[in-house]
Protein backbone atom coordinates (compact mmCIF):
# COMPACT_ATOMS: atom_id res chain seq x y z
CA MET A 1 -102.44 21.56 42.59
CA GLN A 2 -98.79 20.56 42.67
CA PHE A 3 -99.47 17.97 39.98
CA SER A 4 -100.83 20.60 37.54
CA ILE A 5 -97.81 22.86 38.17
CA ALA A 6 -95.48 19.93 37.50
CA ILE A 7 -97.32 19.09 34.24
CA ILE A 8 -97.19 22.72 33.08
CA ALA A 9 -93.47 22.88 33.87
CA LEU A 10 -92.90 19.61 31.99
CA PHE A 11 -94.75 20.86 28.90
CA GLY A 12 -92.90 24.18 29.09
CA ALA A 13 -89.55 22.38 29.17
CA ALA A 14 -90.55 20.13 26.26
CA VAL A 15 -91.71 23.02 24.10
CA SER A 16 -88.60 25.10 24.76
CA ALA A 17 -86.39 22.13 23.81
CA LEU A 18 -87.95 21.80 20.34
CA PRO A 19 -85.82 23.44 17.64
CA THR A 20 -87.40 26.26 15.69
CA GLU A 21 -87.61 26.13 11.93
CA GLU A 22 -85.00 28.37 10.36
CA LYS A 23 -86.39 30.73 7.76
CA ARG A 24 -84.00 31.73 5.00
CA GLN A 25 -84.32 34.52 2.54
CA ALA A 26 -84.35 33.57 -1.10
CA TYR A 27 -81.18 34.41 -3.04
CA ILE A 28 -81.74 37.29 -5.44
CA PRO A 29 -78.66 37.48 -7.68
CA CYS A 30 -79.59 40.68 -9.50
CA SER A 31 -81.53 43.71 -8.34
CA GLY A 32 -82.15 47.30 -9.27
CA LEU A 33 -81.26 48.48 -12.77
CA TYR A 34 -79.23 45.31 -13.44
CA GLY A 35 -82.19 43.14 -12.48
CA THR A 36 -82.11 40.30 -15.04
CA SER A 37 -79.98 37.27 -14.21
CA GLN A 38 -78.39 35.74 -17.29
CA CYS A 39 -75.78 33.16 -18.27
CA CYS A 40 -73.65 34.73 -21.02
CA ALA A 41 -70.79 33.38 -23.12
CA THR A 42 -68.88 36.48 -24.27
CA ASP A 43 -68.47 39.90 -22.68
CA VAL A 44 -67.75 42.87 -24.96
CA LEU A 45 -66.20 45.58 -22.75
CA GLY A 46 -69.07 45.36 -20.25
CA VAL A 47 -71.40 47.01 -22.75
CA ALA A 48 -72.85 43.91 -24.39
CA ASP A 49 -72.78 40.19 -23.66
CA LEU A 50 -73.36 37.65 -26.41
CA ASP A 51 -75.19 34.31 -26.38
CA CYS A 52 -77.12 35.00 -23.17
CA GLY A 53 -79.98 33.06 -21.68
CA ASN A 54 -81.79 32.45 -18.44
CA PRO A 55 -80.03 30.13 -15.98
CA PRO A 56 -81.23 26.51 -16.46
CA SER A 57 -82.16 26.30 -12.76
CA ALA A 58 -82.82 28.85 -10.03
CA PRO A 59 -79.55 29.59 -8.20
CA THR A 60 -79.52 29.30 -4.41
CA ASP A 61 -76.44 31.47 -3.79
CA ALA A 62 -73.62 33.23 -5.65
CA THR A 63 -71.47 30.09 -5.88
CA ASP A 64 -74.40 28.09 -7.23
CA PHE A 65 -75.21 30.82 -9.79
CA SER A 66 -71.64 30.65 -11.06
CA ALA A 67 -71.70 26.82 -11.10
CA VAL A 68 -75.05 26.67 -12.95
CA CYS A 69 -73.72 28.94 -15.71
CA SER A 70 -70.29 27.26 -15.80
CA ALA A 71 -71.97 23.89 -16.35
CA ILE A 72 -73.24 25.13 -19.72
CA GLY A 73 -69.99 26.92 -20.62
CA GLN A 74 -71.11 30.43 -19.74
CA ARG A 75 -70.61 33.06 -17.04
CA ALA A 76 -73.07 34.51 -14.53
CA ARG A 77 -74.15 38.05 -15.35
CA CYS A 78 -76.73 40.65 -14.32
CA CYS A 79 -78.04 42.59 -17.31
CA VAL A 80 -80.18 45.66 -17.81
CA LEU A 81 -81.90 44.57 -21.00
CA PRO A 82 -81.61 41.12 -22.60
CA ILE A 83 -82.67 41.26 -26.26
CA LEU A 84 -82.38 38.42 -28.82
CA ASP A 85 -79.90 36.34 -26.78
CA GLN A 86 -77.75 39.40 -26.09
CA GLY A 87 -77.41 41.22 -22.79
CA ILE A 88 -77.06 44.99 -22.86
CA LEU A 89 -75.08 46.63 -20.03
CA CYS A 90 -74.14 43.59 -17.95
CA ASN A 91 -72.05 43.23 -14.81
CA THR A 92 -70.89 40.45 -12.51
CA PRO A 93 -73.33 39.61 -9.68
CA THR A 94 -72.27 40.27 -6.10
CA GLY A 95 -70.33 37.37 -4.66
CA VAL A 96 -69.55 35.74 -8.01
CA GLN A 97 -65.85 35.38 -8.79
CA ASP A 98 -64.79 35.60 -12.44
């Protein structure tokens, strides 16, 4: 009887000492109306951005989004409607420094 209690206590201690797997939420750079993430070269008064395209790789955070776009000579933007390599109504994503 005492042996089974000792074994149960030992297993309980071993299980509680195991680290849990941390679950992280995926980074979503753009949401709502400005829901399309783009890397754009030129901003025209915040109304239109020229030479826009999808980021070459999926960004993991705001700093990475900026770095991914900077690597190809562009800036991170969130646009309402990208048409023909141009972003219409674009703004800077949250956390990205220009």
